[in-house]
Amino acid sequence: MKKHLFFIGLFILIISHVFSQEEVTKNGWNFGALPTVTFDSDLGFQYGGLIDLYNYGDGERYPGYYHHLYFEVSRFTKGSGINRFYYDSDQLIKGLYTFVDISYLSDLAYDFYGFNGYDAVVNKDWIDEDSEEYLTRMFYKYDRKMFRFKVDLQGNLTGNKFRWVAGLNFLNFNIGSVNLDKLNKNNDEPLPDVPGLYEFYLEKNIIPEDEADGGFVPAIKAGVVYDTRDNRPNPMKGVWTEIVVEGAPGFLGAETSFAKLSLTHRQYFTIIPKDLSLVYRLNYQTTIAGHTPFYYQTQVVVSELRGATAEGLGGGSTLRGVRRNRVVGDGFFLGNIEARWKFTRFQFINNNFYLGLNGFLDFGRVTNKIESFVNPHLYDIFPNPAYLYYNRDAEKMHYSYGAGLRIAMNQNFIIKVDYGIAVDERDGDSGVYIGLNYLF
């Protein structure tokens, strides 16, 4: 392993030395492409790819761009997949930032660990095939299909620092038990047909019957943004703060009416000009009216979407290294701190590249609990021993830490690889996340 790291490092140094030149100003259309080839023992092989297109016009704004289009189509051989189109620009409608997202995301094994963080106990022996207590790897999963149509607009209030935010977000969730017939296709050792946590919560009415199969959520969003970033993809200085209220009213067809408030503050400090920065994000989100259905509680309200999903807490966009959706409540607090170092720059095939390293600390917790999971009689509902399912008032801060690599082309097309480690074994062990863009 050490030899491999040595030769990788030597290769990077040689490449950066051979190709290092003054940065080229880009114009016209420029694209990055990334094939997708992975394997999951439950979901099968993933295949497909993505294309990220940027239009720099005459180059006067570079690294700022005029139009950005993103296309991704990927599939797992057993049925899960990502189908996504995304567009953003401040030129489509003069004077407005426009963000459009159309996605269909199917997940045959969507993570579900219960509600209110540590109050919901995760028994890892039940999903460990080597354990004598093994039940099934699918115990903390359900089947979820989500269609999303999202349009966000931002316009200037004073100058270009204060902006108003408005948007429409239509989501449709189809939820059910894990489809074992699909997952067991071509399996030498079929997954056991054992009810999981989702089925148990339905049986005990912890998840209401009218929410069990998902639903339609039409949301209206409004808010304000204060933005002094010097660079959108990877700022070296400035702040990016927003207050957003999102509501799902009945008159638009919402099956359950509710409203959420999200407060997010991000700040960026230059340590070494152009090369090293220290950044952080603080986010508080809570329900301020109505009842939020359980299937929407994983959604993180944002002014603009930076990836295929904005979900958590737990996973690649919130708490890296913590199990996906481990920390789900009616309200939460989230924090991320990162040191970002661009350690080399070079040119290759007439494009500007830099390589970066990140070190990070992530933390978060439930602040407002889901009421159906705070009933003192829950100990009587769960099978004996109940402590394998429920630990009342156990919730506290969740922590993870790790490091990452960034490969950036023309400052905007940024491939990320993050490795996060959970501090508490109740949150899992670790996770690797490959995708695009900095976290914030």
Protein backbone atom coordinates (compact mmCIF):
# COMPACT_ATOMS: atom_id res chain seq x y z
CA MET A 1 0.00 0.00 0.00
CA LYS A 2 2.80 2.42 0.88
CA LYS A 3 4.51 1.68 -2.47
CA HIS A 4 1.26 2.38 -4.29
CA LEU A 5 0.86 5.72 -2.49
CA PHE A 6 4.46 6.64 -3.29
CA PHE A 7 4.05 6.02 -7.02
CA ILE A 8 0.70 7.83 -7.11
CA GLY A 9 2.31 10.83 -5.41
CA LEU A 10 5.31 10.70 -7.76
CA PHE A 11 2.98 10.57 -10.77
CA ILE A 12 1.04 13.61 -9.57
CA LEU A 13 4.22 15.61 -9.04
CA ILE A 14 5.54 14.71 -12.52
CA ILE A 15 2.24 15.53 -14.20
CA SER A 16 1.91 18.85 -12.38
CA HIS A 17 5.50 19.78 -13.28
CA VAL A 18 5.27 18.78 -16.94
CA PHE A 19 1.92 20.40 -17.60
CA SER A 20 2.09 23.37 -15.23
CA GLN A 21 1.45 26.65 -17.04
CA GLU A 22 -0.52 29.84 -16.68
CA GLU A 23 -4.23 29.15 -16.34
CA VAL A 24 -6.13 29.15 -19.62
CA THR A 25 -9.25 31.32 -19.85
CA LYS A 26 -12.04 29.08 -21.09
CA ASN A 27 -14.79 30.11 -23.49
CA GLY A 28 -17.66 28.44 -25.28
CA TRP A 29 -18.96 25.05 -24.18
CA ASN A 30 -16.85 22.83 -21.94
CA PHE A 31 -17.83 19.45 -20.51
CA GLY A 32 -16.74 16.80 -18.08
CA ALA A 33 -17.89 13.19 -18.20
CA LEU A 34 -17.67 10.43 -15.63
CA PRO A 35 -18.59 6.76 -16.22
CA THR A 36 -20.31 4.84 -13.44
CA VAL A 37 -19.22 1.26 -12.79
CA THR A 38 -19.70 -0.08 -9.24
CA PHE A 39 -20.98 -3.20 -7.54
CA ASP A 40 -23.24 -3.77 -4.55
CA SER A 41 -23.85 -7.30 -3.32
CA ASP A 42 -27.57 -6.55 -2.85
CA LEU A 43 -28.31 -4.15 -5.70
CA GLY A 44 -26.02 -5.64 -8.35
CA PHE A 45 -23.75 -3.87 -10.84
CA GLN A 46 -24.19 -0.14 -11.38
CA TYR A 47 -23.59 1.13 -14.90
CA GLY A 48 -24.14 4.43 -16.67
CA GLY A 49 -22.58 7.84 -16.57
CA LEU A 50 -22.94 11.59 -16.23
CA ILE A 51 -22.15 14.64 -18.32
CA ASP A 52 -21.55 18.10 -16.85
CA LEU A 53 -21.75 20.95 -19.41
CA TYR A 54 -20.68 24.57 -18.85
CA ASN A 55 -21.01 27.50 -21.22
CA TYR A 56 -18.42 30.22 -20.57
CA GLY A 57 -19.52 32.51 -23.41
CA ASP A 58 -16.69 34.74 -24.55
CA GLY A 59 -14.66 33.86 -21.44
CA GLU A 60 -15.00 37.28 -19.82
CA ARG A 61 -16.65 35.81 -16.70
CA TYR A 62 -14.41 32.74 -16.34
CA PRO A 63 -14.50 30.82 -14.00
CA GLY A 64 -18.05 32.17 -13.84
CA TYR A 65 -20.33 30.63 -16.47
CA TYR A 66 -23.47 31.54 -18.40
CA HIS A 67 -25.23 28.18 -18.46
CA HIS A 68 -24.75 24.85 -16.68
CA LEU A 69 -26.46 21.59 -17.69
CA TYR A 70 -26.08 18.24 -15.98
CA PHE A 71 -27.30 14.82 -17.16
CA GLU A 72 -27.01 11.53 -15.28
CA VAL A 73 -28.41 8.11 -16.08
CA SER A 74 -27.23 5.13 -14.06
CA ARG A 75 -28.75 1.78 -13.19
CA PHE A 76 -28.19 -1.11 -10.86
CA THR A 77 -28.87 -4.43 -12.58
CA LYS A 78 -31.52 -5.33 -9.97
CA GLY A 79 -33.62 -2.22 -10.44
CA SER A 80 -32.33 0.82 -8.52
CA GLY A 81 -31.28 3.84 -10.52
CA ILE A 82 -30.70 7.58 -10.95
CA ASN A 83 -32.24 9.59 -13.79
CA ARG A 84 -31.51 13.28 -13.43
CA PHE A 85 -31.46 16.53 -15.40
CA TYR A 86 -30.27 19.74 -13.75
CA TYR A 87 -29.84 23.29 -15.08
CA ASP A 88 -28.73 26.55 -13.54
CA SER A 89 -28.01 29.98 -14.99
CA ASP A 90 -28.35 33.68 -14.36
CA GLN A 91 -28.86 34.34 -18.08
CA LEU A 92 -32.03 32.38 -18.93
CA ILE A 93 -34.12 35.13 -17.32
CA LYS A 94 -32.10 38.32 -17.06
CA GLY A 95 -31.64 39.42 -13.48
CA LEU A 96 -32.64 36.05 -11.99
CA TYR A 97 -30.72 32.96 -10.92
CA THR A 98 -32.67 29.96 -12.23
CA PHE A 99 -32.27 26.39 -10.95
CA VAL A 100 -34.24 23.48 -12.45
CA ASP A 101 -34.11 19.83 -11.41
CA ILE A 102 -36.06 16.89 -12.84
CA SER A 103 -35.21 13.53 -11.30
CA TYR A 104 -36.51 10.01 -10.89
CA LEU A 105 -34.66 8.10 -8.17
CA SER A 106 -35.43 4.46 -7.46
CA ASP A 107 -33.89 2.74 -4.46
CA LEU A 108 -34.64 -0.93 -3.77
CA ALA A 109 -32.88 -0.75 -0.39
CA TYR A 110 -33.44 2.72 1.09
CA ASP A 111 -32.00 3.02 4.59
CA PHE A 112 -34.46 3.28 7.49
CA TYR A 113 -33.18 3.11 11.08
CA GLY A 114 -36.14 4.61 12.91
CA PHE A 115 -36.67 8.05 14.42
CA ASN A 116 -34.99 10.47 16.81
CA GLY A 117 -31.37 9.39 16.45
CA TYR A 118 -29.99 7.28 19.28
CA ASP A 119 -33.51 6.82 20.70
CA ALA A 120 -33.88 4.27 17.89
CA VAL A 121 -31.49 1.40 18.56
CA VAL A 122 -29.63 -0.18 15.63
CA ASN A 123 -28.72 -3.81 16.27
CA LYS A 124 -25.87 -4.53 13.86
CA ASP A 125 -25.92 -8.27 14.68
CA TRP A 126 -29.28 -8.55 12.93
CA ILE A 127 -27.71 -7.44 9.61
CA ASP A 128 -24.35 -9.20 10.01
CA GLU A 129 -24.35 -12.52 8.18
CA ASP A 130 -21.53 -13.80 10.40
CA SER A 131 -23.52 -13.22 13.60
CA GLU A 132 -25.53 -15.94 15.31
CA GLU A 133 -28.33 -13.35 15.67
CA TYR A 134 -28.44 -12.58 11.93
CA LEU A 135 -31.94 -11.89 10.54
CA THR A 136 -31.45 -10.22 7.14
CA ARG A 137 -29.32 -7.50 5.56
CA MET A 138 -32.62 -5.85 4.60
CA PHE A 139 -33.91 -5.41 8.17
CA TYR A 140 -33.27 -1.63 8.14
CA LYS A 141 -34.43 -1.03 4.56
CA TYR A 142 -37.51 -0.34 2.48
CA ASP A 143 -38.25 0.22 -1.21
CA ARG A 144 -38.52 3.88 -2.24
CA LYS A 145 -39.17 5.50 -5.60
CA MET A 146 -39.14 9.30 -5.76
CA PHE A 147 -40.00 11.66 -8.60
CA ARG A 148 -38.90 15.29 -8.17
CA PHE A 149 -39.62 18.42 -10.20
CA LYS A 150 -37.94 21.45 -8.69
CA VAL A 151 -37.68 25.08 -9.83
CA ASP A 152 -35.89 27.68 -7.70
CA LEU A 153 -35.45 31.36 -8.48
CA GLN A 154 -33.28 34.02 -6.86
CA GLY A 155 -33.30 37.75 -7.56
CA ASN A 156 -31.41 40.73 -6.18
CA LEU A 157 -32.81 42.78 -3.31
CA THR A 158 -29.92 45.21 -2.80
CA GLY A 159 -26.91 45.00 -5.06
CA ASN A 160 -26.00 41.38 -5.71
CA LYS A 161 -25.38 40.33 -2.10
CA PHE A 162 -28.92 40.24 -0.72
CA ARG A 163 -31.26 38.06 -2.78
CA TRP A 164 -34.81 36.81 -2.42
CA VAL A 165 -35.55 33.12 -2.88
CA ALA A 166 -38.70 31.52 -4.27
CA GLY A 167 -39.38 28.05 -5.55
CA LEU A 168 -41.70 25.17 -6.30
CA ASN A 169 -40.79 21.64 -5.34
CA PHE A 170 -43.05 18.76 -6.38
CA LEU A 171 -42.14 15.34 -5.02
CA ASN A 172 -43.97 12.06 -5.26
CA PHE A 173 -42.94 9.14 -3.05
CA ASN A 174 -43.85 5.49 -3.66
CA ILE A 175 -42.87 3.35 -0.69
CA GLY A 176 -43.21 -0.32 0.15
CA SER A 177 -41.49 -3.34 1.59
CA VAL A 178 -38.21 -4.47 0.07
CA ASN A 179 -38.81 -6.41 -3.15
CA LEU A 180 -37.05 -9.65 -2.26
CA ASP A 181 -37.94 -11.26 -5.60
CA LYS A 182 -35.82 -8.68 -7.43
CA LEU A 183 -32.97 -8.70 -4.95
CA ASN A 184 -32.84 -12.49 -4.83
CA LYS A 185 -32.63 -12.77 -8.60
CA ASN A 186 -29.55 -14.87 -9.44
CA ASN A 187 -28.51 -14.98 -5.77
CA ASP A 188 -26.90 -18.24 -4.70
CA GLU A 189 -28.04 -17.58 -1.13
CA PRO A 190 -31.42 -15.77 -1.15
CA LEU A 191 -32.12 -13.07 1.40
CA PRO A 192 -34.35 -14.38 4.23
CA ASP A 193 -38.02 -13.41 4.05
CA VAL A 194 -38.07 -11.68 7.45
CA PRO A 195 -40.15 -8.56 8.31
CA GLY A 196 -37.97 -5.53 8.89
CA LEU A 197 -38.20 -2.37 10.96
CA TYR A 198 -40.46 -0.64 8.42
CA GLU A 199 -43.04 -3.45 8.64
CA PHE A 200 -42.82 -3.44 12.42
CA TYR A 201 -43.41 0.33 12.63
CA LEU A 202 -46.48 -0.08 10.41
CA GLU A 203 -47.84 -2.88 12.52
CA LYS A 204 -47.51 -0.82 15.71
CA ASN A 205 -48.81 2.39 14.05
CA ILE A 206 -45.55 4.25 14.72
CA ILE A 207 -45.83 5.02 11.01
CA PRO A 208 -49.46 6.04 10.31
CA GLU A 209 -51.32 3.82 7.87
CA ASP A 210 -52.10 6.72 5.52
CA GLU A 211 -48.36 7.45 5.13
CA ALA A 212 -47.24 3.84 4.69
CA ASP A 213 -47.08 3.84 0.87
CA GLY A 214 -45.75 7.40 0.43
CA GLY A 215 -47.56 10.37 -1.03
CA PHE A 216 -47.47 13.61 -3.00
CA VAL A 217 -45.69 16.66 -1.55
CA PRO A 218 -46.16 19.97 -3.43
CA ALA A 219 -44.00 22.54 -1.66
CA ILE A 220 -43.71 26.32 -1.99
CA LYS A 221 -40.48 27.94 -0.86
CA ALA A 222 -39.61 31.54 0.05
CA GLY A 223 -36.68 33.17 1.80
CA VAL A 224 -33.68 35.48 1.66
CA VAL A 225 -29.99 34.89 0.96
CA TYR A 226 -26.91 36.93 1.87
CA ASP A 227 -24.01 35.85 -0.35
CA THR A 228 -20.51 37.38 -0.52
CA ARG A 229 -18.64 34.33 -1.85
CA ASP A 230 -15.76 35.07 -4.19
CA ASN A 231 -16.25 31.80 -6.08
CA ARG A 232 -19.31 29.55 -6.18
CA PRO A 233 -17.74 26.08 -6.65
CA ASN A 234 -15.03 26.48 -3.96
CA PRO A 235 -15.06 29.85 -2.17
CA MET A 236 -11.88 31.12 -0.51
CA LYS A 237 -13.61 33.91 1.39
CA GLY A 238 -17.04 35.32 2.15
CA VAL A 239 -20.29 34.11 3.70
CA TRP A 240 -23.36 32.37 2.34
CA THR A 241 -26.32 32.64 4.72
CA GLU A 242 -29.96 31.89 4.05
CA ILE A 243 -33.34 31.77 5.77
CA VAL A 244 -35.87 29.63 3.93
CA VAL A 245 -39.45 28.60 4.73
CA GLU A 246 -40.95 25.70 2.80
CA GLY A 247 -44.60 24.76 3.04
CA ALA A 248 -46.79 22.02 1.56
CA PRO A 249 -50.34 23.47 1.49
CA GLY A 250 -53.50 21.46 1.05
CA PHE A 251 -54.81 23.63 -1.79
CA LEU A 252 -51.96 22.35 -4.01
CA GLY A 253 -52.94 18.76 -3.30
CA ALA A 254 -50.70 17.93 -0.36
CA GLU A 255 -51.94 14.84 1.43
CA THR A 256 -50.51 16.25 4.67
CA SER A 257 -50.03 20.01 5.18
CA PHE A 258 -46.91 21.26 6.94
CA ALA A 259 -44.25 23.98 6.92
CA LYS A 260 -40.52 23.83 7.67
CA LEU A 261 -37.99 26.52 8.56
CA SER A 262 -34.34 26.20 7.55
CA LEU A 263 -31.50 28.48 8.71
CA THR A 264 -28.08 27.91 7.16
CA HIS A 265 -24.86 29.86 7.66
CA ARG A 266 -21.68 29.07 5.72
CA GLN A 267 -18.41 30.96 6.07
CA TYR A 268 -15.08 30.75 4.25
CA PHE A 269 -11.66 31.90 5.50
CA THR A 270 -8.46 32.17 3.44
CA ILE A 271 -5.42 30.75 5.25
CA ILE A 272 -3.03 30.70 2.27
CA PRO A 273 -4.19 32.75 -0.75
CA LYS A 274 -5.54 30.55 -3.57
CA ASP A 275 -4.41 27.34 -1.86
CA LEU A 276 -5.69 26.76 1.69
CA SER A 277 -9.02 27.67 3.28
CA LEU A 278 -10.97 26.88 6.42
CA VAL A 279 -14.74 26.66 5.99
CA TYR A 280 -17.78 25.70 8.04
CA ARG A 281 -21.53 25.21 7.71
CA LEU A 282 -24.19 25.42 10.43
CA ASN A 283 -27.75 24.36 9.63
CA TYR A 284 -30.91 24.29 11.75
CA GLN A 285 -34.16 22.91 10.35
CA THR A 286 -37.49 22.24 12.04
CA THR A 287 -41.21 21.86 11.41
CA ILE A 288 -43.05 25.07 12.35
CA ALA A 289 -46.60 24.10 11.38
CA GLY A 290 -48.65 21.02 10.63
CA HIS A 291 -47.53 17.41 10.49
CA THR A 292 -44.61 16.31 8.29
CA PRO A 293 -45.08 12.78 6.89
CA PHE A 294 -42.35 10.34 7.86
CA TYR A 295 -41.15 9.86 4.27
CA TYR A 296 -40.36 13.59 3.96
CA GLN A 297 -38.43 13.90 7.23
CA THR A 298 -35.15 12.88 5.55
CA GLN A 299 -35.30 15.87 3.17
CA VAL A 300 -32.94 18.80 3.84
CA VAL A 301 -34.41 22.14 2.73
CA VAL A 302 -31.91 24.10 0.57
CA SER A 303 -32.02 27.20 -1.61
CA GLU A 304 -30.25 25.34 -4.42
CA LEU A 305 -29.57 21.64 -4.94
CA ARG A 306 -25.88 20.65 -5.24
CA GLY A 307 -26.31 16.92 -5.81
CA ALA A 308 -28.79 14.20 -6.73
CA THR A 309 -30.18 14.34 -3.19
CA ALA A 310 -30.18 16.60 -0.15
CA GLU A 311 -31.03 14.05 2.53
CA GLY A 312 -29.94 12.91 5.95
CA LEU A 313 -28.77 13.27 8.56
CA GLY A 314 -26.20 10.60 7.87
CA GLY A 315 -24.52 10.00 4.54
CA GLY A 316 -22.41 11.77 1.95
CA SER A 317 -24.07 15.20 2.06
CA THR A 318 -24.46 15.63 5.82
CA LEU A 319 -22.65 13.32 8.28
CA ARG A 320 -20.01 11.44 6.29
CA GLY A 321 -19.24 8.05 7.81
CA VAL A 322 -22.56 7.86 9.69
CA ARG A 323 -25.16 5.45 8.34
CA ARG A 324 -27.42 7.08 5.76
CA ASN A 325 -30.57 8.49 7.42
CA ARG A 326 -29.38 7.43 10.87
CA VAL A 327 -30.47 10.74 12.46
CA VAL A 328 -34.08 11.54 11.49
CA GLY A 329 -36.34 13.83 13.49
CA ASP A 330 -38.87 16.63 13.22
CA GLY A 331 -36.01 19.10 13.63
CA PHE A 332 -32.24 18.88 13.55
CA PHE A 333 -28.96 20.75 13.92
CA LEU A 334 -26.05 20.04 11.56
CA GLY A 335 -22.46 21.27 11.49
CA ASN A 336 -19.55 20.69 9.10
CA ILE A 337 -15.98 22.02 9.38
CA GLU A 338 -13.45 21.53 6.57
CA ALA A 339 -9.86 22.45 5.77
CA ARG A 340 -9.44 22.59 1.97
CA TRP A 341 -6.00 22.54 0.36
CA LYS A 342 -5.32 22.81 -3.38
CA PHE A 343 -1.90 21.20 -3.44
CA THR A 344 -1.10 21.27 -7.16
CA ARG A 345 -2.29 22.88 -10.40
CA PHE A 346 -1.56 21.91 -13.99
CA GLN A 347 -2.87 22.07 -17.53
CA PHE A 348 -3.80 19.06 -19.61
CA ILE A 349 -5.45 18.92 -23.08
CA ASN A 350 -5.99 22.68 -22.89
CA ASN A 351 -7.93 22.52 -19.62
CA ASN A 352 -7.08 23.82 -16.16
CA PHE A 353 -6.84 21.24 -13.37
CA TYR A 354 -6.13 21.32 -9.68
CA LEU A 355 -5.94 18.58 -7.08
CA GLY A 356 -7.15 19.18 -3.57
CA LEU A 357 -7.22 17.46 -0.20
CA ASN A 358 -9.84 17.93 2.53
CA GLY A 359 -9.93 17.16 6.21
CA PHE A 360 -13.34 17.40 7.88
CA LEU A 361 -15.37 17.08 11.05
CA ASP A 362 -19.15 16.59 10.83
CA PHE A 363 -21.65 16.71 13.69
CA GLY A 364 -25.41 16.84 14.20
CA ARG A 365 -28.37 15.75 16.27
CA VAL A 366 -32.15 15.71 16.46
CA THR A 367 -33.50 18.86 18.15
CA ASN A 368 -37.26 18.24 17.83
CA LYS A 369 -38.40 14.64 18.06
CA ILE A 370 -41.05 12.84 16.04
CA GLU A 371 -43.94 12.58 18.47
CA SER A 372 -45.00 9.05 17.58
CA PHE A 373 -41.62 7.88 18.88
CA VAL A 374 -41.57 9.56 22.30
CA ASN A 375 -44.54 7.74 23.84
CA PRO A 376 -43.47 6.27 27.22
CA HIS A 377 -45.58 3.19 26.42
CA LEU A 378 -43.30 2.25 23.51
CA TYR A 379 -41.41 -0.08 25.85
CA ASP A 380 -44.64 -2.08 26.10
CA ILE A 381 -45.12 -2.11 22.32
CA PHE A 382 -41.71 -3.52 21.37
CA PRO A 383 -40.90 -7.22 21.80
CA ASN A 384 -38.96 -8.25 24.86
CA PRO A 385 -36.23 -7.13 25.35
CA ALA A 386 -37.40 -3.69 24.23
CA TYR A 387 -33.93 -2.15 24.59
CA LEU A 388 -33.01 -3.81 21.29
CA TYR A 389 -35.43 -1.38 19.58
CA TYR A 390 -35.82 1.67 21.81
CA ASN A 391 -33.72 3.71 24.23
CA ARG A 392 -35.73 6.70 25.36
CA ASP A 393 -33.88 10.05 25.72
CA ALA A 394 -30.61 8.56 24.43
CA GLU A 395 -30.24 11.10 21.63
CA LYS A 396 -27.16 13.34 21.72
CA MET A 397 -24.64 14.78 19.26
CA HIS A 398 -23.41 12.46 16.50
CA TYR A 399 -19.83 12.96 15.24
CA SER A 400 -17.80 11.80 12.26
CA TYR A 401 -14.49 12.80 10.72
CA GLY A 402 -12.41 11.99 7.68
CA ALA A 403 -10.57 13.17 4.60
CA GLY A 404 -11.21 13.60 0.92
CA LEU A 405 -9.67 14.14 -2.52
CA ARG A 406 -10.85 16.63 -5.13
CA ILE A 407 -10.01 16.61 -8.84
CA ALA A 408 -11.19 19.86 -10.44
CA MET A 409 -11.30 20.80 -14.12
CA ASN A 410 -11.73 24.48 -14.99
CA GLN A 411 -12.74 25.12 -11.35
CA ASN A 412 -16.34 23.98 -11.90
CA PHE A 413 -16.29 20.26 -12.78
CA ILE A 414 -15.15 18.78 -9.46
CA ILE A 415 -14.90 15.05 -8.75
CA LYS A 416 -14.99 14.25 -5.05
CA VAL A 417 -13.93 11.20 -3.08
CA ASP A 418 -14.62 11.39 0.68
CA TYR A 419 -13.91 8.82 3.36
CA GLY A 420 -15.72 9.36 6.65
CA ILE A 421 -15.49 7.54 9.98
CA ALA A 422 -18.25 7.47 12.60
CA VAL A 423 -17.04 8.21 16.13
CA ASP A 424 -19.77 6.16 17.86
CA GLU A 425 -20.32 2.55 16.78
CA ARG A 426 -24.07 3.11 17.12
CA ASP A 427 -23.76 5.24 13.97
CA GLY A 428 -21.92 2.61 11.94
CA ASP A 429 -18.29 2.26 10.97
CA SER A 430 -17.24 4.27 7.92
CA GLY A 431 -18.28 5.24 4.42
CA VAL A 432 -16.77 6.12 1.04
CA TYR A 433 -18.57 8.71 -1.12
CA ILE A 434 -17.79 9.38 -4.78
CA GLY A 435 -19.58 12.14 -6.64
CA LEU A 436 -19.33 15.76 -7.70
CA ASN A 437 -18.74 19.12 -6.02
CA TYR A 438 -17.70 20.34 -2.61
CA LEU A 439 -20.20 19.79 0.18
CA PHE A 440 -21.02 23.52 0.38
